[in-house]
Amino acid sequence: MELIDFDGLFDEKLAEYMQLNAGKYTEKQWEALIPKLYKQFGDTFIPKAGATPKGYYAAMTDGELVEALVRHVEEGVPVSDFLCRELEGRDCPDALIGLLEKRDPELITFAVNLIGAAPKAFHAYFDLLEREDCDGDVAETVCEQLKADADPAKERALADYRAGVRTEMMLEILSRCKERDDAVFGILLDAFKTSGEELPMRASYLAAYGDARALPALLEVIDREDINFLEFQELKYAIEALGGEYTRPRDFTNDAYFQEIASQQAGAVDILSPGKKTDA
């Protein structure tokens, strides 16, 4: 199978088109026009391919599409949007899930983004997260997909949390579960109560989970004098997200985080003030 750089061919045609239409469009108009031209290119017959870009990939089997993706990445040939869209429309081929066993972060990232939040891939997603060589950026990409449909991921996330596997990530996944579960709530609440420096993030997990039974714990912590301004803000947001309210006046003028934020806001107002001269 010959690899065809459809994006490179499009760039060549675009350069010709822009030269022929020089001065006809503003920069913003070009920005709006180029995606439309790329879409039209997908239905343009390309002699080298013997088909349109879309038709070229539509004629391939699932296995051939995945092989094409692998070769594009390994051989440094740009992966076109037409290949990605065709793979996305194939209902998560098993061969695509198989790419999660690879060691190439770029290839794995492509696979995760194309698979998306398909529950049939969740087992492989967790296998990937449990690997010590799993790249941090890859893990974050996987986590985003698991969060998008967290209920099918719940049992494995609970098991991995209890086993000490990427505990913060497992909490984040569990916090997105929609079905109420006392085991999930108990873990999120206990993690919040023992959070230490992770206090703001773990307060946000309780807010995301949406169980008002967490309010007493949140209200108890927000009333402490040793919390900083960032922690206060996140706690207050979580309380309000769960239908609660915290009204006791607090003074954070001597807090380093408060001072930094106030300084940034003052600088922004100063720059945007009418009549303010800048070097820009």
C-alpha atoms as a PDB file:
ATOM      1  CA  MET A   1       0.000   0.000   0.000  1.00  0.00           C
ATOM      2  CA  GLU A   2       1.396   3.365  -1.042  1.00  0.00           C
ATOM      3  CA  LEU A   3       1.275   6.120   1.508  1.00  0.00           C
ATOM      4  CA  ILE A   4      -0.124   9.296   0.042  1.00  0.00           C
ATOM      5  CA  ASP A   5       0.485  12.653   1.686  1.00  0.00           C
ATOM      6  CA  PHE A   6      -2.930  14.148   0.998  1.00  0.00           C
ATOM      7  CA  ASP A   7      -2.221  17.112   3.271  1.00  0.00           C
ATOM      8  CA  GLY A   8       0.948  17.848   1.310  1.00  0.00           C
ATOM      9  CA  LEU A   9      -1.004  17.680  -1.966  1.00  0.00           C
ATOM     10  CA  PHE A  10      -3.628  20.015  -0.522  1.00  0.00           C
ATOM     11  CA  ASP A  11      -0.953  22.489   0.567  1.00  0.00           C
ATOM     12  CA  GLU A  12       0.398  22.563  -2.987  1.00  0.00           C
ATOM     13  CA  LYS A  13      -3.042  23.227  -4.467  1.00  0.00           C
ATOM     14  CA  LEU A  14      -3.769  25.813  -1.769  1.00  0.00           C
ATOM     15  CA  ALA A  15      -0.535  27.675  -2.542  1.00  0.00           C
ATOM     16  CA  GLU A  16      -1.540  27.836  -6.222  1.00  0.00           C
ATOM     17  CA  TYR A  17      -5.037  29.009  -5.347  1.00  0.00           C
ATOM     18  CA  MET A  18      -3.757  31.691  -2.997  1.00  0.00           C
ATOM     19  CA  GLN A  19      -1.362  32.949  -5.619  1.00  0.00           C
ATOM     20  CA  LEU A  20      -4.152  33.174  -8.189  1.00  0.00           C
ATOM     21  CA  ASN A  21      -6.366  35.017  -5.711  1.00  0.00           C
ATOM     22  CA  ALA A  22      -3.738  37.248  -4.122  1.00  0.00           C
ATOM     23  CA  GLY A  23      -5.312  40.361  -2.585  1.00  0.00           C
ATOM     24  CA  LYS A  24      -8.828  39.044  -3.002  1.00  0.00           C
ATOM     25  CA  TYR A  25      -9.330  38.008   0.628  1.00  0.00           C
ATOM     26  CA  THR A  26      -8.305  39.386   4.009  1.00  0.00           C
ATOM     27  CA  GLU A  27      -6.364  37.235   6.452  1.00  0.00           C
ATOM     28  CA  LYS A  28      -9.526  36.475   8.447  1.00  0.00           C
ATOM     29  CA  GLN A  29     -11.403  35.571   5.263  1.00  0.00           C
ATOM     30  CA  TRP A  30      -8.625  33.154   4.321  1.00  0.00           C
ATOM     31  CA  GLU A  31      -8.864  31.582   7.778  1.00  0.00           C
ATOM     32  CA  ALA A  32     -12.570  30.925   7.186  1.00  0.00           C
ATOM     33  CA  LEU A  33     -12.105  29.796   3.584  1.00  0.00           C
ATOM     34  CA  ILE A  34      -9.251  27.292   3.969  1.00  0.00           C
ATOM     35  CA  PRO A  35     -11.274  24.700   5.970  1.00  0.00           C
ATOM     36  CA  LYS A  36     -13.973  24.849   3.269  1.00  0.00           C
ATOM     37  CA  LEU A  37     -11.370  24.318   0.558  1.00  0.00           C
ATOM     38  CA  TYR A  38      -9.947  21.362   2.488  1.00  0.00           C
ATOM     39  CA  LYS A  39     -13.415  19.827   2.733  1.00  0.00           C
ATOM     40  CA  GLN A  40     -13.890  20.271  -1.028  1.00  0.00           C
ATOM     41  CA  PHE A  41     -10.472  18.688  -1.590  1.00  0.00           C
ATOM     42  CA  GLY A  42     -11.770  15.542   0.103  1.00  0.00           C
ATOM     43  CA  ASP A  43     -14.175  15.049  -2.812  1.00  0.00           C
ATOM     44  CA  THR A  44     -11.622  15.936  -5.517  1.00  0.00           C
ATOM     45  CA  PHE A  45     -10.290  13.128  -7.723  1.00  0.00           C
ATOM     46  CA  ILE A  46      -6.546  12.688  -7.221  1.00  0.00           C
ATOM     47  CA  PRO A  47      -4.885  10.806 -10.104  1.00  0.00           C
ATOM     48  CA  LYS A  48      -2.063   9.553  -7.880  1.00  0.00           C
ATOM     49  CA  ALA A  49      -4.588   7.881  -5.607  1.00  0.00           C
ATOM     50  CA  GLY A  50      -7.010   6.833  -8.304  1.00  0.00           C
ATOM     51  CA  ALA A  51      -9.785   8.171  -6.109  1.00  0.00           C
ATOM     52  CA  THR A  52     -10.810  11.130  -4.006  1.00  0.00           C
ATOM     53  CA  PRO A  53      -9.074  11.369  -0.596  1.00  0.00           C
ATOM     54  CA  LYS A  54     -12.304  10.329   1.116  1.00  0.00           C
ATOM     55  CA  GLY A  55     -12.930   7.526  -1.368  1.00  0.00           C
ATOM     56  CA  TYR A  56      -9.345   6.291  -1.077  1.00  0.00           C
ATOM     57  CA  TYR A  57      -9.775   5.512   2.607  1.00  0.00           C
ATOM     58  CA  ALA A  58     -13.422   4.453   2.358  1.00  0.00           C
ATOM     59  CA  ALA A  59     -12.335   1.573   0.105  1.00  0.00           C
ATOM     60  CA  MET A  60      -9.966   0.172   2.755  1.00  0.00           C
ATOM     61  CA  THR A  61     -10.764  -2.507   5.319  1.00  0.00           C
ATOM     62  CA  ASP A  62     -10.514  -1.711   9.014  1.00  0.00           C
ATOM     63  CA  GLY A  63      -7.149  -3.451   9.186  1.00  0.00           C
ATOM     64  CA  GLU A  64      -5.807  -1.547   6.188  1.00  0.00           C
ATOM     65  CA  LEU A  65      -6.850   1.770   7.718  1.00  0.00           C
ATOM     66  CA  VAL A  66      -5.069   0.991  10.978  1.00  0.00           C
ATOM     67  CA  GLU A  67      -1.997  -0.187   9.068  1.00  0.00           C
ATOM     68  CA  ALA A  68      -2.032   3.080   7.124  1.00  0.00           C
ATOM     69  CA  LEU A  69      -2.176   5.056  10.370  1.00  0.00           C
ATOM     70  CA  VAL A  70       0.768   3.121  11.807  1.00  0.00           C
ATOM     71  CA  ARG A  71       2.869   3.619   8.707  1.00  0.00           C
ATOM     72  CA  HIS A  72       2.055   7.331   8.486  1.00  0.00           C
ATOM     73  CA  VAL A  73       3.269   7.841  12.047  1.00  0.00           C
ATOM     74  CA  GLU A  74       6.300   5.561  11.793  1.00  0.00           C
ATOM     75  CA  GLU A  75       7.420   6.958   8.437  1.00  0.00           C
ATOM     76  CA  GLY A  76       6.781  10.594   9.297  1.00  0.00           C
ATOM     77  CA  VAL A  77       4.078  11.165   6.676  1.00  0.00           C
ATOM     78  CA  PRO A  78       1.361  13.571   7.919  1.00  0.00           C
ATOM     79  CA  VAL A  79      -1.844  11.835   9.004  1.00  0.00           C
ATOM     80  CA  SER A  80      -4.655  13.468   7.066  1.00  0.00           C
ATOM     81  CA  ASP A  81      -8.023  14.344   8.514  1.00  0.00           C
ATOM     82  CA  PHE A  82      -9.615  12.117   5.869  1.00  0.00           C
ATOM     83  CA  LEU A  83      -7.910   9.033   7.325  1.00  0.00           C
ATOM     84  CA  CYS A  84      -8.881  10.028  10.861  1.00  0.00           C
ATOM     85  CA  ARG A  85     -12.519  10.687   9.978  1.00  0.00           C
ATOM     86  CA  GLU A  86     -12.814   7.332   8.197  1.00  0.00           C
ATOM     87  CA  LEU A  87     -11.385   5.512  11.208  1.00  0.00           C
ATOM     88  CA  GLU A  88     -13.711   7.380  13.571  1.00  0.00           C
ATOM     89  CA  GLY A  89     -16.677   6.231  11.496  1.00  0.00           C
ATOM     90  CA  ARG A  90     -15.744   2.545  11.756  1.00  0.00           C
ATOM     91  CA  ASP A  91     -17.136   2.025  15.292  1.00  0.00           C
ATOM     92  CA  CYS A  92     -13.812   1.462  17.040  1.00  0.00           C
ATOM     93  CA  PRO A  93     -12.105  -1.391  15.144  1.00  0.00           C
ATOM     94  CA  ASP A  94     -10.376  -3.991  17.311  1.00  0.00           C
ATOM     95  CA  ALA A  95      -7.142  -3.349  15.406  1.00  0.00           C
ATOM     96  CA  LEU A  96      -7.266   0.268  16.573  1.00  0.00           C
ATOM     97  CA  ILE A  97      -7.611  -0.835  20.194  1.00  0.00           C
ATOM     98  CA  GLY A  98      -4.600  -3.069  19.621  1.00  0.00           C
ATOM     99  CA  LEU A  99      -2.453   0.014  19.034  1.00  0.00           C
ATOM    100  CA  LEU A 100      -2.757   0.832  22.743  1.00  0.00           C
ATOM    101  CA  GLU A 101      -0.229  -1.942  23.379  1.00  0.00           C
ATOM    102  CA  LYS A 102       2.423  -0.063  21.381  1.00  0.00           C
ATOM    103  CA  ARG A 103       5.237   1.913  22.964  1.00  0.00           C
ATOM    104  CA  ASP A 104       5.091   4.971  20.678  1.00  0.00           C
ATOM    105  CA  PRO A 105       3.334   7.844  22.546  1.00  0.00           C
ATOM    106  CA  GLU A 106       2.389   9.603  19.302  1.00  0.00           C
ATOM    107  CA  LEU A 107       0.758   6.504  17.868  1.00  0.00           C
ATOM    108  CA  ILE A 108      -1.038   5.729  21.129  1.00  0.00           C
ATOM    109  CA  THR A 109      -2.339   9.302  21.321  1.00  0.00           C
ATOM    110  CA  PHE A 110      -3.715   9.042  17.791  1.00  0.00           C
ATOM    111  CA  ALA A 111      -5.408   5.768  18.736  1.00  0.00           C
ATOM    112  CA  VAL A 112      -6.957   7.162  21.940  1.00  0.00           C
ATOM    113  CA  ASN A 113      -8.302  10.246  20.180  1.00  0.00           C
ATOM    114  CA  LEU A 114      -9.802   8.111  17.414  1.00  0.00           C
ATOM    115  CA  ILE A 115     -11.298   5.528  19.778  1.00  0.00           C
ATOM    116  CA  GLY A 116     -12.759   8.193  22.032  1.00  0.00           C
ATOM    117  CA  ALA A 117     -15.012   7.142  24.905  1.00  0.00           C
ATOM    118  CA  ALA A 118     -15.930   3.738  23.441  1.00  0.00           C
ATOM    119  CA  PRO A 119     -16.552   1.421  26.429  1.00  0.00           C
ATOM    120  CA  LYS A 120     -15.209  -1.582  24.479  1.00  0.00           C
ATOM    121  CA  ALA A 121     -11.766   0.026  24.748  1.00  0.00           C
ATOM    122  CA  PHE A 122     -11.907   0.785  28.476  1.00  0.00           C
ATOM    123  CA  HIS A 123     -10.205  -2.457  29.501  1.00  0.00           C
ATOM    124  CA  ALA A 124      -7.270  -1.600  27.245  1.00  0.00           C
ATOM    125  CA  TYR A 125      -7.296   1.993  28.523  1.00  0.00           C
ATOM    126  CA  PHE A 126      -6.838   0.826  32.110  1.00  0.00           C
ATOM    127  CA  ASP A 127      -4.163  -1.663  31.037  1.00  0.00           C
ATOM    128  CA  LEU A 128      -2.346   1.298  29.519  1.00  0.00           C
ATOM    129  CA  LEU A 129      -2.698   3.425  32.661  1.00  0.00           C
ATOM    130  CA  GLU A 130      -1.297   0.574  34.741  1.00  0.00           C
ATOM    131  CA  ARG A 131       1.880   0.457  32.662  1.00  0.00           C
ATOM    132  CA  GLU A 132       4.873   2.170  34.251  1.00  0.00           C
ATOM    133  CA  ASP A 133       6.080   3.389  30.848  1.00  0.00           C
ATOM    134  CA  CYS A 134       2.795   5.167  30.060  1.00  0.00           C
ATOM    135  CA  ASP A 135       3.649   8.765  29.163  1.00  0.00           C
ATOM    136  CA  GLY A 136       2.050  11.434  31.356  1.00  0.00           C
ATOM    137  CA  ASP A 137       0.426  13.239  28.431  1.00  0.00           C
ATOM    138  CA  VAL A 138      -0.915   9.946  27.101  1.00  0.00           C
ATOM    139  CA  ALA A 139      -2.349   9.127  30.531  1.00  0.00           C
ATOM    140  CA  GLU A 140      -4.136  12.488  30.637  1.00  0.00           C
ATOM    141  CA  THR A 141      -5.607  11.857  27.180  1.00  0.00           C
ATOM    142  CA  VAL A 142      -6.848   8.440  28.295  1.00  0.00           C
ATOM    143  CA  CYS A 143      -8.303   9.924  31.482  1.00  0.00           C
ATOM    144  CA  GLU A 144     -10.323  12.459  29.485  1.00  0.00           C
ATOM    145  CA  GLN A 145     -11.959   9.648  27.514  1.00  0.00           C
ATOM    146  CA  LEU A 146     -12.752   7.593  30.603  1.00  0.00           C
ATOM    147  CA  LYS A 147     -14.254  10.655  32.314  1.00  0.00           C
ATOM    148  CA  ALA A 148     -16.534  11.215  29.319  1.00  0.00           C
ATOM    149  CA  ASP A 149     -18.426   7.978  30.094  1.00  0.00           C
ATOM    150  CA  ALA A 150     -17.317   7.167  33.597  1.00  0.00           C
ATOM    151  CA  ASP A 151     -19.991   4.699  34.711  1.00  0.00           C
ATOM    152  CA  PRO A 152     -18.690   1.786  32.596  1.00  0.00           C
ATOM    153  CA  ALA A 153     -15.216   2.615  33.942  1.00  0.00           C
ATOM    154  CA  LYS A 154     -16.285   2.681  37.604  1.00  0.00           C
ATOM    155  CA  GLU A 155     -15.390  -0.838  38.741  1.00  0.00           C
ATOM    156  CA  ARG A 156     -11.927  -0.809  37.201  1.00  0.00           C
ATOM    157  CA  ALA A 157     -11.282   2.709  38.532  1.00  0.00           C
ATOM    158  CA  LEU A 158     -12.284   1.587  42.029  1.00  0.00           C
ATOM    159  CA  ALA A 159      -9.960  -1.428  41.801  1.00  0.00           C
ATOM    160  CA  ASP A 160      -7.038   0.653  40.558  1.00  0.00           C
ATOM    161  CA  TYR A 161      -7.600   3.312  43.218  1.00  0.00           C
ATOM    162  CA  ARG A 162      -7.547   0.695  45.956  1.00  0.00           C
ATOM    163  CA  ALA A 163      -4.387  -0.772  44.417  1.00  0.00           C
ATOM    164  CA  GLY A 164      -2.693   2.647  44.462  1.00  0.00           C
ATOM    165  CA  VAL A 165      -2.586   3.017  40.666  1.00  0.00           C
ATOM    166  CA  ARG A 166      -2.652   6.698  39.601  1.00  0.00           C
ATOM    167  CA  THR A 167      -4.871   7.500  42.563  1.00  0.00           C
ATOM    168  CA  GLU A 168      -5.518  11.137  41.642  1.00  0.00           C
ATOM    169  CA  MET A 169      -6.556  10.154  38.133  1.00  0.00           C
ATOM    170  CA  MET A 170      -8.857   7.426  39.454  1.00  0.00           C
ATOM    171  CA  LEU A 171     -10.523   9.931  41.777  1.00  0.00           C
ATOM    172  CA  GLU A 172     -11.077  12.238  38.842  1.00  0.00           C
ATOM    173  CA  ILE A 173     -12.703   9.440  36.821  1.00  0.00           C
ATOM    174  CA  LEU A 174     -14.872   8.314  39.735  1.00  0.00           C
ATOM    175  CA  SER A 175     -16.045  11.887  40.338  1.00  0.00           C
ATOM    176  CA  ARG A 176     -17.662  11.870  36.888  1.00  0.00           C
ATOM    177  CA  CYS A 177     -19.840   8.821  37.560  1.00  0.00           C
ATOM    178  CA  LYS A 178     -23.537   9.638  37.187  1.00  0.00           C
ATOM    179  CA  GLU A 179     -24.965   6.599  38.952  1.00  0.00           C
ATOM    180  CA  ARG A 180     -24.982   7.116  42.731  1.00  0.00           C
ATOM    181  CA  ASP A 181     -22.791   4.644  44.587  1.00  0.00           C
ATOM    182  CA  ASP A 182     -21.934   4.779  48.306  1.00  0.00           C
ATOM    183  CA  ALA A 183     -18.535   3.190  47.623  1.00  0.00           C
ATOM    184  CA  VAL A 184     -17.624   5.955  45.177  1.00  0.00           C
ATOM    185  CA  PHE A 185     -18.942   8.693  47.443  1.00  0.00           C
ATOM    186  CA  GLY A 186     -17.098   7.242  50.434  1.00  0.00           C
ATOM    187  CA  ILE A 187     -13.794   7.186  48.567  1.00  0.00           C
ATOM    188  CA  LEU A 188     -14.209  10.749  47.292  1.00  0.00           C
ATOM    189  CA  LEU A 189     -15.158  12.006  50.759  1.00  0.00           C
ATOM    190  CA  ASP A 190     -12.336  10.168  52.532  1.00  0.00           C
ATOM    191  CA  ALA A 191      -9.846  11.427  49.923  1.00  0.00           C
ATOM    192  CA  PHE A 192     -11.048  14.979  50.562  1.00  0.00           C
ATOM    193  CA  LYS A 193     -10.698  14.618  54.332  1.00  0.00           C
ATOM    194  CA  THR A 194      -7.083  13.447  53.960  1.00  0.00           C
ATOM    195  CA  SER A 195      -6.207  15.671  51.016  1.00  0.00           C
ATOM    196  CA  GLY A 196      -3.337  17.839  52.241  1.00  0.00           C
ATOM    197  CA  GLU A 197      -1.964  19.852  49.310  1.00  0.00           C
ATOM    198  CA  GLU A 198      -4.549  18.272  46.997  1.00  0.00           C
ATOM    199  CA  LEU A 199      -7.388  20.002  48.846  1.00  0.00           C
ATOM    200  CA  PRO A 200      -8.626  22.251  45.994  1.00  0.00           C
ATOM    201  CA  MET A 201      -8.629  19.411  43.460  1.00  0.00           C
ATOM    202  CA  ARG A 202     -10.358  16.979  45.786  1.00  0.00           C
ATOM    203  CA  ALA A 203     -12.981  19.561  46.652  1.00  0.00           C
ATOM    204  CA  SER A 204     -13.623  19.863  42.917  1.00  0.00           C
ATOM    205  CA  TYR A 205     -14.153  16.081  42.717  1.00  0.00           C
ATOM    206  CA  LEU A 206     -16.932  16.351  45.303  1.00  0.00           C
ATOM    207  CA  ALA A 207     -18.472  19.213  43.343  1.00  0.00           C
ATOM    208  CA  ALA A 208     -18.343  17.172  40.143  1.00  0.00           C
ATOM    209  CA  TYR A 209     -19.897  14.114  41.779  1.00  0.00           C
ATOM    210  CA  GLY A 210     -22.801  16.217  43.008  1.00  0.00           C
ATOM    211  CA  ASP A 211     -23.748  14.469  46.257  1.00  0.00           C
ATOM    212  CA  ALA A 212     -24.985  17.021  48.808  1.00  0.00           C
ATOM    213  CA  ARG A 213     -23.978  14.709  51.660  1.00  0.00           C
ATOM    214  CA  ALA A 214     -20.481  16.170  51.232  1.00  0.00           C
ATOM    215  CA  LEU A 215     -21.626  19.618  52.384  1.00  0.00           C
ATOM    216  CA  PRO A 216     -20.904  19.213  56.129  1.00  0.00           C
ATOM    217  CA  ALA A 217     -17.299  18.171  55.420  1.00  0.00           C
ATOM    218  CA  LEU A 218     -16.799  21.042  52.978  1.00  0.00           C
ATOM    219  CA  LEU A 219     -18.310  23.586  55.365  1.00  0.00           C
ATOM    220  CA  GLU A 220     -16.115  22.373  58.190  1.00  0.00           C
ATOM    221  CA  VAL A 221     -12.933  22.759  56.170  1.00  0.00           C
ATOM    222  CA  ILE A 222     -13.769  26.125  54.603  1.00  0.00           C
ATOM    223  CA  ASP A 223     -14.232  27.572  58.088  1.00  0.00           C
ATOM    224  CA  ARG A 224     -10.654  26.758  59.076  1.00  0.00           C
ATOM    225  CA  GLU A 225      -8.276  29.692  59.490  1.00  0.00           C
ATOM    226  CA  ASP A 226      -5.305  27.851  57.948  1.00  0.00           C
ATOM    227  CA  ILE A 227      -6.689  27.544  54.392  1.00  0.00           C
ATOM    228  CA  ASN A 228      -5.302  29.819  51.695  1.00  0.00           C
ATOM    229  CA  PHE A 229      -7.232  31.906  49.187  1.00  0.00           C
ATOM    230  CA  LEU A 230      -7.101  29.347  46.365  1.00  0.00           C
ATOM    231  CA  GLU A 231      -8.378  26.625  48.670  1.00  0.00           C
ATOM    232  CA  PHE A 232     -11.129  28.938  49.906  1.00  0.00           C
ATOM    233  CA  GLN A 233     -12.245  29.699  46.357  1.00  0.00           C
ATOM    234  CA  GLU A 234     -12.438  26.034  45.350  1.00  0.00           C
ATOM    235  CA  LEU A 235     -14.212  25.067  48.564  1.00  0.00           C
ATOM    236  CA  LYS A 236     -16.760  27.861  48.160  1.00  0.00           C
ATOM    237  CA  TYR A 237     -17.407  26.796  44.570  1.00  0.00           C
ATOM    238  CA  ALA A 238     -17.942  23.170  45.643  1.00  0.00           C
ATOM    239  CA  ILE A 239     -20.325  24.197  48.421  1.00  0.00           C
ATOM    240  CA  GLU A 240     -22.402  26.307  46.048  1.00  0.00           C
ATOM    241  CA  ALA A 241     -22.346  23.586  43.379  1.00  0.00           C
ATOM    242  CA  LEU A 242     -23.925  21.229  45.891  1.00  0.00           C
ATOM    243  CA  GLY A 243     -26.642  23.730  46.804  1.00  0.00           C
ATOM    244  CA  GLY A 244     -25.023  25.061  49.971  1.00  0.00           C
ATOM    245  CA  GLU A 245     -23.887  28.519  51.039  1.00  0.00           C
ATOM    246  CA  TYR A 246     -20.993  30.004  52.984  1.00  0.00           C
ATOM    247  CA  THR A 247     -21.360  33.616  54.070  1.00  0.00           C
ATOM    248  CA  ARG A 248     -18.896  34.246  56.906  1.00  0.00           C
ATOM    249  CA  PRO A 249     -16.640  37.210  55.937  1.00  0.00           C
ATOM    250  CA  ARG A 250     -12.989  36.223  55.472  1.00  0.00           C
ATOM    251  CA  ASP A 251      -9.926  38.429  55.112  1.00  0.00           C
ATOM    252  CA  PHE A 252      -7.246  37.150  52.724  1.00  0.00           C
ATOM    253  CA  THR A 253      -5.415  40.434  52.135  1.00  0.00           C
ATOM    254  CA  ASN A 254      -2.196  38.992  53.569  1.00  0.00           C
ATOM    255  CA  ASP A 255      -2.462  35.762  51.610  1.00  0.00           C
ATOM    256  CA  ALA A 256       0.216  35.346  48.922  1.00  0.00           C
ATOM    257  CA  TYR A 257      -2.215  33.854  46.393  1.00  0.00           C
ATOM    258  CA  PHE A 258      -4.727  36.624  46.971  1.00  0.00           C
ATOM    259  CA  GLN A 259      -2.048  39.289  46.518  1.00  0.00           C
ATOM    260  CA  GLU A 260      -0.797  37.709  43.302  1.00  0.00           C
ATOM    261  CA  ILE A 261      -4.282  37.500  41.798  1.00  0.00           C
ATOM    262  CA  ALA A 262      -5.111  41.042  42.882  1.00  0.00           C
ATOM    263  CA  SER A 263      -1.886  42.285  41.312  1.00  0.00           C
ATOM    264  CA  GLN A 264      -2.669  40.541  38.025  1.00  0.00           C
ATOM    265  CA  GLN A 265      -6.190  41.946  37.954  1.00  0.00           C
ATOM    266  CA  ALA A 266      -4.935  45.441  38.727  1.00  0.00           C
ATOM    267  CA  GLY A 267      -2.394  45.161  35.914  1.00  0.00           C
ATOM    268  CA  ALA A 268      -5.079  44.024  33.466  1.00  0.00           C
ATOM    269  CA  VAL A 269      -7.332  46.930  34.398  1.00  0.00           C
ATOM    270  CA  ASP A 270      -4.408  49.329  34.062  1.00  0.00           C
ATOM    271  CA  ILE A 271      -3.554  48.078  30.581  1.00  0.00           C
ATOM    272  CA  LEU A 272      -7.151  48.194  29.405  1.00  0.00           C
ATOM    273  CA  SER A 273      -7.940  51.613  30.874  1.00  0.00           C
ATOM    274  CA  PRO A 274      -9.059  54.215  28.281  1.00  0.00           C
ATOM    275  CA  GLY A 275      -6.260  56.529  27.250  1.00  0.00           C
ATOM    276  CA  LYS A 276      -3.569  54.235  28.626  1.00  0.00           C
ATOM    277  CA  LYS A 277      -0.516  54.326  26.361  1.00  0.00           C
ATOM    278  CA  THR A 278       1.287  51.097  25.637  1.00  0.00           C
ATOM    279  CA  ASP A 279       4.304  50.122  23.579  1.00  0.00           C
ATOM    280  CA  ALA A 280       2.186  47.762  21.476  1.00  0.00           C
END
